[in-house]
Amino acid sequence: SKATVSVLYCFQIMRTSPIQMGSENGTDEVASVASEFIDLDDEIEAIVADMRATDDMIQTKVDTRTVLQQIASQYWPDATVKVYGSFSYNLATTKSELDLIVEGCTPFCGDILTRFMNHLDQQTLPNGDKAWENLSLMVTQQEGFARIRTATGVTVNISFSTDVKSGMRSTSMLVSSLLRKYPAASSVYFVIRRFMMQKSLCTPNEGGMSNYGVLIMLLHVCANEPSREVLSNPTMLLTAFLRYFGLKVNFQTTTMSVFETTSEERNHTNDTISIEDPSNPSINVAQGCTKSVEIKTSLQRVYDLIKQREATGKGQSLVVLLAKGKSKKWRSK
């Protein structure tokens, strides 16, 4: 649609010098170029509006959680159904799946889970159509995992846990609090995700970075950014992200964390990129990601072209240059 603005066009109109994240004069550098970013703010807003989950999807989240809570209570009296993942911190896109967890599933056994899923399978809409399509059910000794698809086409991942408060929910609560702390982070996340999708860098099954990994990369920049002005301005924060991961970071020596980095000690030494899971630092969110070179090179190339355009006032369109690697996996609605 005409409202859709390519993230690459956003990079095209950026005209600023690199900002050294965490440098002594970082705040002054950011403030000195603030006037250069007026148009880009509008472009970022357009991308967010285009990518963010629709109102119908948000309503599906509410309705699905409510129905699952009612059914779960019939099998586990103390069960609570909670939303986690992108929907829980308002970063869901039109392509996102809904992640739910049923906590307090005691007693826990495969037979009860099977009866629970059969109960779901019997749910119908007012017109008589089935409300859900059961896709799969996997049960271990202490937990279960199911996938269903709603009549509106939203895929729902359901985890079952005997814990009253699971680690997944704790992580979602932490991420939500950090996004409130960094006002510009949500908008910038959508821009970064769109860019990495277009460059085929956000497909884990092909060695790319997961969306969750992209989010923690951004929160890592936020945690180590001293300027509150940057953290409140989407354009400035986007620039800080590109500056850090395009020109500064050394993936071989750095572990990304949502907390402020106090040392350069590298965790997960056997992996190409190290990103700590907030709930368990020993878990590497980036495990299996092999595209560190491509990620850094792509972001660095954006900076090189921005500097060239700044110096000469002209240059090849980033749309032309970067669209050659555009992924067909993303199609905006």
C-alpha atoms as a PDB file:
ATOM      1  CA  SER A   1       0.000   0.000   0.000  1.00  0.00           C
ATOM      2  CA  LYS A   2       1.016   3.650  -0.357  1.00  0.00           C
ATOM      3  CA  ALA A   3       1.218   3.854   3.418  1.00  0.00           C
ATOM      4  CA  THR A   4       3.914   1.194   3.416  1.00  0.00           C
ATOM      5  CA  VAL A   5       7.356   2.717   3.529  1.00  0.00           C
ATOM      6  CA  SER A   6      10.365   0.476   3.083  1.00  0.00           C
ATOM      7  CA  VAL A   7      12.797   0.504   5.956  1.00  0.00           C
ATOM      8  CA  LEU A   8      15.495   0.863   3.347  1.00  0.00           C
ATOM      9  CA  TYR A   9      14.015   4.210   2.345  1.00  0.00           C
ATOM     10  CA  CYS A  10      14.301   5.250   5.968  1.00  0.00           C
ATOM     11  CA  PHE A  11      18.013   4.569   5.783  1.00  0.00           C
ATOM     12  CA  GLN A  12      18.200   6.440   2.502  1.00  0.00           C
ATOM     13  CA  ILE A  13      17.008   9.701   3.999  1.00  0.00           C
ATOM     14  CA  MET A  14      19.175   9.463   7.110  1.00  0.00           C
ATOM     15  CA  ARG A  15      21.868  12.116   6.894  1.00  0.00           C
ATOM     16  CA  THR A  16      23.976  12.206  10.018  1.00  0.00           C
ATOM     17  CA  SER A  17      27.412  11.374  11.268  1.00  0.00           C
ATOM     18  CA  PRO A  18      28.006   8.180  13.286  1.00  0.00           C
ATOM     19  CA  ILE A  19      27.322   8.404  16.990  1.00  0.00           C
ATOM     20  CA  GLN A  20      29.755   6.695  19.346  1.00  0.00           C
ATOM     21  CA  MET A  21      27.573   4.824  21.790  1.00  0.00           C
ATOM     22  CA  GLY A  22      28.844   5.276  25.291  1.00  0.00           C
ATOM     23  CA  SER A  23      31.542   7.794  24.364  1.00  0.00           C
ATOM     24  CA  GLU A  24      32.286  10.690  26.651  1.00  0.00           C
ATOM     25  CA  ASN A  25      30.796  13.164  24.202  1.00  0.00           C
ATOM     26  CA  GLY A  26      28.060  10.827  22.909  1.00  0.00           C
ATOM     27  CA  THR A  27      25.238  12.950  24.294  1.00  0.00           C
ATOM     28  CA  ASP A  28      26.542  16.139  22.672  1.00  0.00           C
ATOM     29  CA  GLU A  29      26.979  14.382  19.325  1.00  0.00           C
ATOM     30  CA  VAL A  30      23.415  13.125  19.423  1.00  0.00           C
ATOM     31  CA  ALA A  31      21.989  16.482  20.389  1.00  0.00           C
ATOM     32  CA  SER A  32      23.996  18.308  17.695  1.00  0.00           C
ATOM     33  CA  VAL A  33      22.351  16.354  14.877  1.00  0.00           C
ATOM     34  CA  ALA A  34      18.837  16.139  16.297  1.00  0.00           C
ATOM     35  CA  SER A  35      17.502  18.570  13.691  1.00  0.00           C
ATOM     36  CA  GLU A  36      18.581  16.203  10.910  1.00  0.00           C
ATOM     37  CA  PHE A  37      16.112  13.516  11.960  1.00  0.00           C
ATOM     38  CA  ILE A  38      12.711  15.218  11.613  1.00  0.00           C
ATOM     39  CA  ASP A  39      11.631  13.391   8.430  1.00  0.00           C
ATOM     40  CA  LEU A  40      12.887  10.015   9.597  1.00  0.00           C
ATOM     41  CA  ASP A  41      10.582  10.116  12.610  1.00  0.00           C
ATOM     42  CA  ASP A  42       7.615  10.070  10.236  1.00  0.00           C
ATOM     43  CA  GLU A  43       9.073   7.156   8.284  1.00  0.00           C
ATOM     44  CA  ILE A  44       9.582   5.137  11.455  1.00  0.00           C
ATOM     45  CA  GLU A  45       5.974   5.761  12.472  1.00  0.00           C
ATOM     46  CA  ALA A  46       4.802   4.547   9.044  1.00  0.00           C
ATOM     47  CA  ILE A  47       6.759   1.309   9.374  1.00  0.00           C
ATOM     48  CA  VAL A  48       5.415   0.676  12.876  1.00  0.00           C
ATOM     49  CA  ALA A  49       1.850   1.260  11.709  1.00  0.00           C
ATOM     50  CA  ASP A  50       2.338  -1.102   8.774  1.00  0.00           C
ATOM     51  CA  MET A  51       3.912  -3.928  10.766  1.00  0.00           C
ATOM     52  CA  ARG A  52       2.086  -3.869  14.086  1.00  0.00           C
ATOM     53  CA  ALA A  53      -0.555  -6.552  14.722  1.00  0.00           C
ATOM     54  CA  THR A  54      -4.058  -5.533  13.716  1.00  0.00           C
ATOM     55  CA  ASP A  55      -6.869  -4.774  16.148  1.00  0.00           C
ATOM     56  CA  ASP A  56      -8.523  -8.041  15.121  1.00  0.00           C
ATOM     57  CA  MET A  57      -5.384  -9.973  16.080  1.00  0.00           C
ATOM     58  CA  ILE A  58      -5.261  -8.224  19.444  1.00  0.00           C
ATOM     59  CA  GLN A  59      -8.878  -9.161  20.037  1.00  0.00           C
ATOM     60  CA  THR A  60      -8.095 -12.761  19.074  1.00  0.00           C
ATOM     61  CA  LYS A  61      -5.433 -12.751  21.793  1.00  0.00           C
ATOM     62  CA  VAL A  62      -7.955 -11.605  24.395  1.00  0.00           C
ATOM     63  CA  ASP A  63     -10.676 -14.022  23.287  1.00  0.00           C
ATOM     64  CA  THR A  64      -8.336 -17.017  23.019  1.00  0.00           C
ATOM     65  CA  ARG A  65      -6.841 -16.474  26.462  1.00  0.00           C
ATOM     66  CA  THR A  66     -10.299 -16.110  27.992  1.00  0.00           C
ATOM     67  CA  VAL A  67     -11.636 -19.325  26.448  1.00  0.00           C
ATOM     68  CA  LEU A  68      -8.522 -21.321  27.326  1.00  0.00           C
ATOM     69  CA  GLN A  69      -8.728 -20.073  30.913  1.00  0.00           C
ATOM     70  CA  GLN A  70     -12.296 -21.267  31.205  1.00  0.00           C
ATOM     71  CA  ILE A  71     -11.472 -24.705  29.829  1.00  0.00           C
ATOM     72  CA  ALA A  72      -8.195 -25.106  31.742  1.00  0.00           C
ATOM     73  CA  SER A  73      -9.963 -24.428  35.035  1.00  0.00           C
ATOM     74  CA  GLN A  74     -12.112 -27.502  34.441  1.00  0.00           C
ATOM     75  CA  TYR A  75      -9.030 -29.736  34.368  1.00  0.00           C
ATOM     76  CA  TRP A  76      -6.659 -27.924  36.756  1.00  0.00           C
ATOM     77  CA  PRO A  77      -8.479 -25.849  39.425  1.00  0.00           C
ATOM     78  CA  ASP A  78      -5.475 -23.619  40.110  1.00  0.00           C
ATOM     79  CA  ALA A  79      -4.451 -23.110  36.475  1.00  0.00           C
ATOM     80  CA  THR A  80      -3.939 -19.630  35.029  1.00  0.00           C
ATOM     81  CA  VAL A  81      -3.449 -18.829  31.356  1.00  0.00           C
ATOM     82  CA  LYS A  82      -0.959 -16.065  30.619  1.00  0.00           C
ATOM     83  CA  VAL A  83       0.275 -14.416  27.434  1.00  0.00           C
ATOM     84  CA  TYR A  84       4.010 -14.205  26.852  1.00  0.00           C
ATOM     85  CA  GLY A  85       6.243 -13.330  23.922  1.00  0.00           C
ATOM     86  CA  SER A  86       5.647 -10.527  21.421  1.00  0.00           C
ATOM     87  CA  PHE A  87       1.934 -10.128  22.179  1.00  0.00           C
ATOM     88  CA  SER A  88       2.645  -9.634  25.864  1.00  0.00           C
ATOM     89  CA  TYR A  89       4.884  -6.622  25.308  1.00  0.00           C
ATOM     90  CA  ASN A  90       3.017  -5.179  22.312  1.00  0.00           C
ATOM     91  CA  LEU A  91       5.614  -6.035  19.669  1.00  0.00           C
ATOM     92  CA  ALA A  92       3.488  -8.484  17.701  1.00  0.00           C
ATOM     93  CA  THR A  93       3.336  -8.049  13.936  1.00  0.00           C
ATOM     94  CA  THR A  94       0.820  -9.197  11.358  1.00  0.00           C
ATOM     95  CA  LYS A  95       2.941 -12.358  11.043  1.00  0.00           C
ATOM     96  CA  SER A  96       3.304 -13.115  14.761  1.00  0.00           C
ATOM     97  CA  GLU A  97       2.090 -16.252  16.475  1.00  0.00           C
ATOM     98  CA  LEU A  98       0.330 -16.010  19.826  1.00  0.00           C
ATOM     99  CA  ASP A  99       2.234 -17.579  22.738  1.00  0.00           C
ATOM    100  CA  LEU A 100       0.284 -18.702  25.814  1.00  0.00           C
ATOM    101  CA  ILE A 101       1.293 -20.649  28.886  1.00  0.00           C
ATOM    102  CA  VAL A 102      -1.022 -22.586  31.189  1.00  0.00           C
ATOM    103  CA  GLU A 103       0.581 -22.433  34.621  1.00  0.00           C
ATOM    104  CA  GLY A 104      -0.297 -24.564  37.624  1.00  0.00           C
ATOM    105  CA  CYS A 105      -1.160 -27.717  35.636  1.00  0.00           C
ATOM    106  CA  THR A 106      -1.284 -30.014  38.649  1.00  0.00           C
ATOM    107  CA  PRO A 107      -1.813 -32.924  38.499  1.00  0.00           C
ATOM    108  CA  PHE A 108       0.111 -33.239  35.258  1.00  0.00           C
ATOM    109  CA  CYS A 109      -0.214 -36.184  32.894  1.00  0.00           C
ATOM    110  CA  GLY A 110      -0.561 -36.855  29.225  1.00  0.00           C
ATOM    111  CA  ASP A 111      -4.092 -38.185  29.574  1.00  0.00           C
ATOM    112  CA  ILE A 112      -5.384 -34.930  31.027  1.00  0.00           C
ATOM    113  CA  LEU A 113      -3.662 -32.950  28.289  1.00  0.00           C
ATOM    114  CA  THR A 114      -5.228 -35.152  25.636  1.00  0.00           C
ATOM    115  CA  ARG A 115      -8.686 -34.620  27.129  1.00  0.00           C
ATOM    116  CA  PHE A 116      -8.006 -30.891  27.307  1.00  0.00           C
ATOM    117  CA  MET A 117      -7.105 -30.807  23.598  1.00  0.00           C
ATOM    118  CA  ASN A 118     -10.157 -32.884  22.703  1.00  0.00           C
ATOM    119  CA  HIS A 119     -12.256 -30.354  24.603  1.00  0.00           C
ATOM    120  CA  LEU A 120     -10.746 -27.580  22.498  1.00  0.00           C
ATOM    121  CA  ASP A 121     -11.453 -29.556  19.359  1.00  0.00           C
ATOM    122  CA  GLN A 122     -15.165 -29.578  20.183  1.00  0.00           C
ATOM    123  CA  GLN A 123     -15.458 -25.795  20.413  1.00  0.00           C
ATOM    124  CA  THR A 124     -17.575 -24.228  17.673  1.00  0.00           C
ATOM    125  CA  LEU A 125     -18.409 -20.744  16.475  1.00  0.00           C
ATOM    126  CA  PRO A 126     -21.992 -19.390  16.349  1.00  0.00           C
ATOM    127  CA  ASN A 127     -22.181 -20.395  12.674  1.00  0.00           C
ATOM    128  CA  GLY A 128     -21.268 -23.982  13.553  1.00  0.00           C
ATOM    129  CA  ASP A 129     -17.704 -23.875  12.229  1.00  0.00           C
ATOM    130  CA  LYS A 130     -14.897 -25.226  14.386  1.00  0.00           C
ATOM    131  CA  ALA A 131     -13.266 -22.560  16.545  1.00  0.00           C
ATOM    132  CA  TRP A 132      -9.853 -24.229  16.473  1.00  0.00           C
ATOM    133  CA  GLU A 133      -7.755 -26.472  14.346  1.00  0.00           C
ATOM    134  CA  ASN A 134      -5.540 -28.702  16.474  1.00  0.00           C
ATOM    135  CA  LEU A 135      -2.122 -28.911  14.875  1.00  0.00           C
ATOM    136  CA  SER A 136       0.020 -30.860  17.329  1.00  0.00           C
ATOM    137  CA  LEU A 137       0.523 -31.971  20.937  1.00  0.00           C
ATOM    138  CA  MET A 138       3.815 -32.942  22.541  1.00  0.00           C
ATOM    139  CA  VAL A 139       4.023 -34.189  26.133  1.00  0.00           C
ATOM    140  CA  THR A 140       7.048 -34.868  28.338  1.00  0.00           C
ATOM    141  CA  GLN A 141       7.151 -35.973  31.961  1.00  0.00           C
ATOM    142  CA  GLN A 142       6.784 -32.481  33.401  1.00  0.00           C
ATOM    143  CA  GLU A 143       5.482 -30.241  30.607  1.00  0.00           C
ATOM    144  CA  GLY A 144       3.507 -30.153  27.393  1.00  0.00           C
ATOM    145  CA  PHE A 145       3.351 -28.102  24.238  1.00  0.00           C
ATOM    146  CA  ALA A 146       0.493 -27.726  21.752  1.00  0.00           C
ATOM    147  CA  ARG A 147      -0.178 -25.766  18.594  1.00  0.00           C
ATOM    148  CA  ILE A 148      -3.618 -24.739  17.391  1.00  0.00           C
ATOM    149  CA  ARG A 149      -4.895 -22.381  14.743  1.00  0.00           C
ATOM    150  CA  THR A 150      -7.866 -20.112  15.293  1.00  0.00           C
ATOM    151  CA  ALA A 151     -10.686 -19.661  12.801  1.00  0.00           C
ATOM    152  CA  THR A 152      -9.184 -16.246  12.006  1.00  0.00           C
ATOM    153  CA  GLY A 153      -5.897 -17.841  10.979  1.00  0.00           C
ATOM    154  CA  VAL A 154      -3.750 -16.983  14.014  1.00  0.00           C
ATOM    155  CA  THR A 155      -1.418 -19.783  15.116  1.00  0.00           C
ATOM    156  CA  VAL A 156      -1.385 -20.251  18.891  1.00  0.00           C
ATOM    157  CA  ASN A 157       1.443 -21.944  20.787  1.00  0.00           C
ATOM    158  CA  ILE A 158       0.346 -23.286  24.178  1.00  0.00           C
ATOM    159  CA  SER A 159       2.830 -24.375  26.833  1.00  0.00           C
ATOM    160  CA  PHE A 160       1.697 -26.326  29.907  1.00  0.00           C
ATOM    161  CA  SER A 161       3.661 -26.056  33.143  1.00  0.00           C
ATOM    162  CA  THR A 162       3.268 -27.284  36.694  1.00  0.00           C
ATOM    163  CA  ASP A 163       4.956 -24.080  37.914  1.00  0.00           C
ATOM    164  CA  VAL A 164       2.701 -21.408  39.355  1.00  0.00           C
ATOM    165  CA  LYS A 165       4.914 -18.693  37.829  1.00  0.00           C
ATOM    166  CA  SER A 166       7.021 -19.902  34.921  1.00  0.00           C
ATOM    167  CA  GLY A 167      10.330 -18.541  33.674  1.00  0.00           C
ATOM    168  CA  MET A 168       8.733 -17.532  30.376  1.00  0.00           C
ATOM    169  CA  ARG A 169       6.264 -15.248  32.121  1.00  0.00           C
ATOM    170  CA  SER A 170       9.009 -13.775  34.294  1.00  0.00           C
ATOM    171  CA  THR A 171      11.037 -12.977  31.188  1.00  0.00           C
ATOM    172  CA  SER A 172       8.046 -11.309  29.521  1.00  0.00           C
ATOM    173  CA  MET A 173       7.479  -9.182  32.603  1.00  0.00           C
ATOM    174  CA  LEU A 174      11.145  -8.119  32.583  1.00  0.00           C
ATOM    175  CA  VAL A 175      11.107  -7.264  28.876  1.00  0.00           C
ATOM    176  CA  SER A 176       7.883  -5.292  29.296  1.00  0.00           C
ATOM    177  CA  SER A 177       9.418  -3.260  32.114  1.00  0.00           C
ATOM    178  CA  LEU A 178      12.511  -2.512  30.013  1.00  0.00           C
ATOM    179  CA  LEU A 179      10.417  -1.354  27.071  1.00  0.00           C
ATOM    180  CA  ARG A 180       8.640   1.052  29.406  1.00  0.00           C
ATOM    181  CA  LYS A 181      12.036   2.241  30.626  1.00  0.00           C
ATOM    182  CA  TYR A 182      13.264   2.854  27.061  1.00  0.00           C
ATOM    183  CA  PRO A 183      10.381   4.719  25.358  1.00  0.00           C
ATOM    184  CA  ALA A 184      11.825   4.620  21.836  1.00  0.00           C
ATOM    185  CA  ALA A 185      12.759   0.941  21.819  1.00  0.00           C
ATOM    186  CA  SER A 186       9.427  -0.450  20.618  1.00  0.00           C
ATOM    187  CA  SER A 187       9.338   1.684  17.479  1.00  0.00           C
ATOM    188  CA  VAL A 188      12.972   0.988  16.663  1.00  0.00           C
ATOM    189  CA  TYR A 189      12.423  -2.750  17.058  1.00  0.00           C
ATOM    190  CA  PHE A 190       9.907  -2.788  14.212  1.00  0.00           C
ATOM    191  CA  VAL A 191      12.335  -0.914  11.936  1.00  0.00           C
ATOM    192  CA  ILE A 192      15.241  -3.244  12.725  1.00  0.00           C
ATOM    193  CA  ARG A 193      13.118  -6.342  12.309  1.00  0.00           C
ATOM    194  CA  ARG A 194      11.817  -5.162   8.936  1.00  0.00           C
ATOM    195  CA  PHE A 195      15.365  -4.447   7.744  1.00  0.00           C
ATOM    196  CA  MET A 196      16.709  -7.819   8.884  1.00  0.00           C
ATOM    197  CA  MET A 197      13.772  -9.629   7.316  1.00  0.00           C
ATOM    198  CA  GLN A 198      14.413  -7.890   4.015  1.00  0.00           C
ATOM    199  CA  LYS A 199      18.068  -8.916   4.190  1.00  0.00           C
ATOM    200  CA  SER A 200      17.190 -12.526   5.140  1.00  0.00           C
ATOM    201  CA  LEU A 201      19.029 -12.144   8.449  1.00  0.00           C
ATOM    202  CA  CYS A 202      16.054 -12.990  10.684  1.00  0.00           C
ATOM    203  CA  THR A 203      15.372 -16.636   9.779  1.00  0.00           C
ATOM    204  CA  PRO A 204      16.748 -18.932  12.525  1.00  0.00           C
ATOM    205  CA  ASN A 205      16.298 -22.108  10.480  1.00  0.00           C
ATOM    206  CA  GLU A 206      18.690 -20.618   7.925  1.00  0.00           C
ATOM    207  CA  GLY A 207      21.306 -19.490  10.436  1.00  0.00           C
ATOM    208  CA  GLY A 208      19.761 -16.085  11.043  1.00  0.00           C
ATOM    209  CA  MET A 209      18.862 -14.267  14.248  1.00  0.00           C
ATOM    210  CA  SER A 210      15.539 -14.907  15.978  1.00  0.00           C
ATOM    211  CA  ASN A 211      13.159 -12.020  16.534  1.00  0.00           C
ATOM    212  CA  TYR A 212      13.720 -12.412  20.266  1.00  0.00           C
ATOM    213  CA  GLY A 213      17.461 -12.177  19.655  1.00  0.00           C
ATOM    214  CA  VAL A 214      16.966  -8.972  17.677  1.00  0.00           C
ATOM    215  CA  LEU A 215      14.999  -7.524  20.586  1.00  0.00           C
ATOM    216  CA  ILE A 216      17.721  -8.329  23.105  1.00  0.00           C
ATOM    217  CA  MET A 217      20.343  -6.840  20.774  1.00  0.00           C
ATOM    218  CA  LEU A 218      18.345  -3.614  20.864  1.00  0.00           C
ATOM    219  CA  LEU A 219      17.863  -3.742  24.634  1.00  0.00           C
ATOM    220  CA  HIS A 220      21.618  -4.309  24.983  1.00  0.00           C
ATOM    221  CA  VAL A 221      22.227  -1.023  23.170  1.00  0.00           C
ATOM    222  CA  CYS A 222      19.655   0.687  25.400  1.00  0.00           C
ATOM    223  CA  ALA A 223      21.222  -0.660  28.594  1.00  0.00           C
ATOM    224  CA  ASN A 224      24.610   0.769  27.632  1.00  0.00           C
ATOM    225  CA  GLU A 225      23.386   4.082  26.218  1.00  0.00           C
ATOM    226  CA  PRO A 226      24.024   6.938  28.701  1.00  0.00           C
ATOM    227  CA  SER A 227      21.761   9.523  27.044  1.00  0.00           C
ATOM    228  CA  ARG A 228      18.121   9.641  28.100  1.00  0.00           C
ATOM    229  CA  GLU A 229      17.417  11.761  25.052  1.00  0.00           C
ATOM    230  CA  VAL A 230      18.581   8.936  22.782  1.00  0.00           C
ATOM    231  CA  LEU A 231      16.438   6.412  24.642  1.00  0.00           C
ATOM    232  CA  SER A 232      13.374   8.600  24.120  1.00  0.00           C
ATOM    233  CA  ASN A 233      13.925   9.419  20.436  1.00  0.00           C
ATOM    234  CA  PRO A 234      13.359   6.609  17.873  1.00  0.00           C
ATOM    235  CA  THR A 235      15.622   8.168  15.244  1.00  0.00           C
ATOM    236  CA  MET A 236      18.494   8.675  17.645  1.00  0.00           C
ATOM    237  CA  LEU A 237      18.139   5.179  19.079  1.00  0.00           C
ATOM    238  CA  LEU A 238      17.992   3.629  15.613  1.00  0.00           C
ATOM    239  CA  THR A 239      21.198   5.459  14.745  1.00  0.00           C
ATOM    240  CA  ALA A 240      22.849   4.286  17.961  1.00  0.00           C
ATOM    241  CA  PHE A 241      21.893   0.682  17.149  1.00  0.00           C
ATOM    242  CA  LEU A 242      23.317   0.865  13.624  1.00  0.00           C
ATOM    243  CA  ARG A 243      26.463   2.571  14.885  1.00  0.00           C
ATOM    244  CA  TYR A 244      27.047  -0.084  17.527  1.00  0.00           C
ATOM    245  CA  PHE A 245      26.336  -3.259  15.569  1.00  0.00           C
ATOM    246  CA  GLY A 246      27.577  -1.960  12.225  1.00  0.00           C
ATOM    247  CA  LEU A 247      30.871  -0.449  13.307  1.00  0.00           C
ATOM    248  CA  LYS A 248      31.733  -1.059  16.933  1.00  0.00           C
ATOM    249  CA  VAL A 249      30.734  -4.488  18.254  1.00  0.00           C
ATOM    250  CA  ASN A 250      33.092  -7.444  18.161  1.00  0.00           C
ATOM    251  CA  PHE A 251      30.894 -10.537  18.227  1.00  0.00           C
ATOM    252  CA  GLN A 252      33.877 -12.722  19.083  1.00  0.00           C
ATOM    253  CA  THR A 253      34.508 -10.972  22.391  1.00  0.00           C
ATOM    254  CA  THR A 254      31.114  -9.529  23.374  1.00  0.00           C
ATOM    255  CA  THR A 255      28.102 -11.035  25.097  1.00  0.00           C
ATOM    256  CA  MET A 256      24.870  -9.101  24.642  1.00  0.00           C
ATOM    257  CA  SER A 257      22.676  -8.661  27.693  1.00  0.00           C
ATOM    258  CA  VAL A 258      19.638  -6.604  28.661  1.00  0.00           C
ATOM    259  CA  PHE A 259      21.664  -5.405  31.618  1.00  0.00           C
ATOM    260  CA  GLU A 260      24.489  -2.875  31.533  1.00  0.00           C
ATOM    261  CA  THR A 261      27.741  -4.491  30.460  1.00  0.00           C
ATOM    262  CA  THR A 262      30.460  -4.241  33.094  1.00  0.00           C
ATOM    263  CA  SER A 263      33.099  -6.456  31.471  1.00  0.00           C
ATOM    264  CA  GLU A 264      34.104  -7.798  28.077  1.00  0.00           C
ATOM    265  CA  GLU A 265      34.092 -11.399  29.238  1.00  0.00           C
ATOM    266  CA  ARG A 266      32.494 -13.541  26.534  1.00  0.00           C
ATOM    267  CA  ASN A 267      29.876 -16.119  27.475  1.00  0.00           C
ATOM    268  CA  HIS A 268      28.801 -19.070  25.267  1.00  0.00           C
ATOM    269  CA  THR A 269      32.298 -19.455  23.836  1.00  0.00           C
ATOM    270  CA  ASN A 270      31.328 -22.139  21.336  1.00  0.00           C
ATOM    271  CA  ASP A 271      28.739 -20.001  19.531  1.00  0.00           C
ATOM    272  CA  THR A 272      29.223 -17.398  16.810  1.00  0.00           C
ATOM    273  CA  ILE A 273      27.120 -14.791  18.633  1.00  0.00           C
ATOM    274  CA  SER A 274      26.496 -14.633  22.382  1.00  0.00           C
ATOM    275  CA  ILE A 275      23.192 -13.241  23.687  1.00  0.00           C
ATOM    276  CA  GLU A 276      22.158 -14.005  27.257  1.00  0.00           C
ATOM    277  CA  ASP A 277      18.600 -15.066  27.973  1.00  0.00           C
ATOM    278  CA  PRO A 278      17.417 -12.612  30.677  1.00  0.00           C
ATOM    279  CA  SER A 279      15.937 -15.405  32.799  1.00  0.00           C
ATOM    280  CA  ASN A 280      18.938 -17.731  32.462  1.00  0.00           C
ATOM    281  CA  PRO A 281      22.271 -16.217  31.311  1.00  0.00           C
ATOM    282  CA  SER A 282      23.685 -19.667  30.592  1.00  0.00           C
ATOM    283  CA  ILE A 283      21.201 -19.996  27.711  1.00  0.00           C
ATOM    284  CA  ASN A 284      22.325 -18.412  24.449  1.00  0.00           C
ATOM    285  CA  VAL A 285      19.395 -16.846  22.599  1.00  0.00           C
ATOM    286  CA  ALA A 286      21.592 -16.655  19.495  1.00  0.00           C
ATOM    287  CA  GLN A 287      22.598 -20.308  19.519  1.00  0.00           C
ATOM    288  CA  GLY A 288      22.591 -21.553  15.955  1.00  0.00           C
ATOM    289  CA  CYS A 289      22.949 -18.082  14.449  1.00  0.00           C
ATOM    290  CA  THR A 290      25.841 -18.197  11.971  1.00  0.00           C
ATOM    291  CA  LYS A 291      25.307 -14.892  10.173  1.00  0.00           C
ATOM    292  CA  SER A 292      27.354 -12.585  12.388  1.00  0.00           C
ATOM    293  CA  VAL A 293      29.452 -11.434   9.449  1.00  0.00           C
ATOM    294  CA  GLU A 294      26.409 -10.746   7.290  1.00  0.00           C
ATOM    295  CA  ILE A 295      24.670  -8.844  10.100  1.00  0.00           C
ATOM    296  CA  LYS A 296      27.653  -6.635  10.800  1.00  0.00           C
ATOM    297  CA  THR A 297      28.484  -6.115   7.121  1.00  0.00           C
ATOM    298  CA  SER A 298      24.918  -5.151   6.214  1.00  0.00           C
ATOM    299  CA  LEU A 299      24.659  -2.582   8.985  1.00  0.00           C
ATOM    300  CA  GLN A 300      28.153  -1.268   8.285  1.00  0.00           C
ATOM    301  CA  ARG A 301      27.279  -0.825   4.616  1.00  0.00           C
ATOM    302  CA  VAL A 302      24.310   1.307   5.629  1.00  0.00           C
ATOM    303  CA  TYR A 303      26.686   3.552   7.516  1.00  0.00           C
ATOM    304  CA  ASP A 304      29.207   3.739   4.685  1.00  0.00           C
ATOM    305  CA  LEU A 305      26.491   4.841   2.278  1.00  0.00           C
ATOM    306  CA  ILE A 306      25.122   7.381   4.728  1.00  0.00           C
ATOM    307  CA  LYS A 307      28.589   8.893   5.122  1.00  0.00           C
ATOM    308  CA  GLN A 308      29.040   8.960   1.343  1.00  0.00           C
ATOM    309  CA  ARG A 309      25.727  10.704   0.823  1.00  0.00           C
ATOM    310  CA  GLU A 310      26.575  13.159   3.596  1.00  0.00           C
ATOM    311  CA  ALA A 311      29.928  13.996   2.028  1.00  0.00           C
ATOM    312  CA  THR A 312      28.778  14.275  -1.585  1.00  0.00           C
ATOM    313  CA  GLY A 313      25.105  15.104  -1.306  1.00  0.00           C
ATOM    314  CA  LYS A 314      24.343  12.309  -3.747  1.00  0.00           C
ATOM    315  CA  GLY A 315      24.778   8.578  -4.189  1.00  0.00           C
ATOM    316  CA  GLN A 316      23.055   5.414  -5.232  1.00  0.00           C
ATOM    317  CA  SER A 317      19.662   4.853  -3.663  1.00  0.00           C
ATOM    318  CA  LEU A 318      19.731   2.405  -0.769  1.00  0.00           C
ATOM    319  CA  VAL A 319      16.478   1.009  -2.147  1.00  0.00           C
ATOM    320  CA  VAL A 320      18.317   0.039  -5.327  1.00  0.00           C
ATOM    321  CA  LEU A 321      21.422  -1.210  -3.554  1.00  0.00           C
ATOM    322  CA  LEU A 322      19.834  -3.244  -0.788  1.00  0.00           C
ATOM    323  CA  ALA A 323      16.646  -4.457  -2.450  1.00  0.00           C
ATOM    324  CA  LYS A 324      18.757  -7.008  -4.364  1.00  0.00           C
ATOM    325  CA  GLY A 325      18.978  -9.000  -1.154  1.00  0.00           C
ATOM    326  CA  LYS A 326      15.373  -8.432  -0.181  1.00  0.00           C
ATOM    327  CA  SER A 327      13.702 -11.500   1.254  1.00  0.00           C
ATOM    328  CA  LYS A 328      10.462 -12.780  -0.238  1.00  0.00           C
ATOM    329  CA  LYS A 329       9.494 -14.170   3.158  1.00  0.00           C
ATOM    330  CA  TRP A 330       7.914 -10.872   4.264  1.00  0.00           C
ATOM    331  CA  ARG A 331       4.856  -9.550   2.560  1.00  0.00           C
ATOM    332  CA  SER A 332       3.215  -6.638   4.282  1.00  0.00           C
ATOM    333  CA  LYS A 333      -0.538  -6.577   4.532  1.00  0.00           C
END
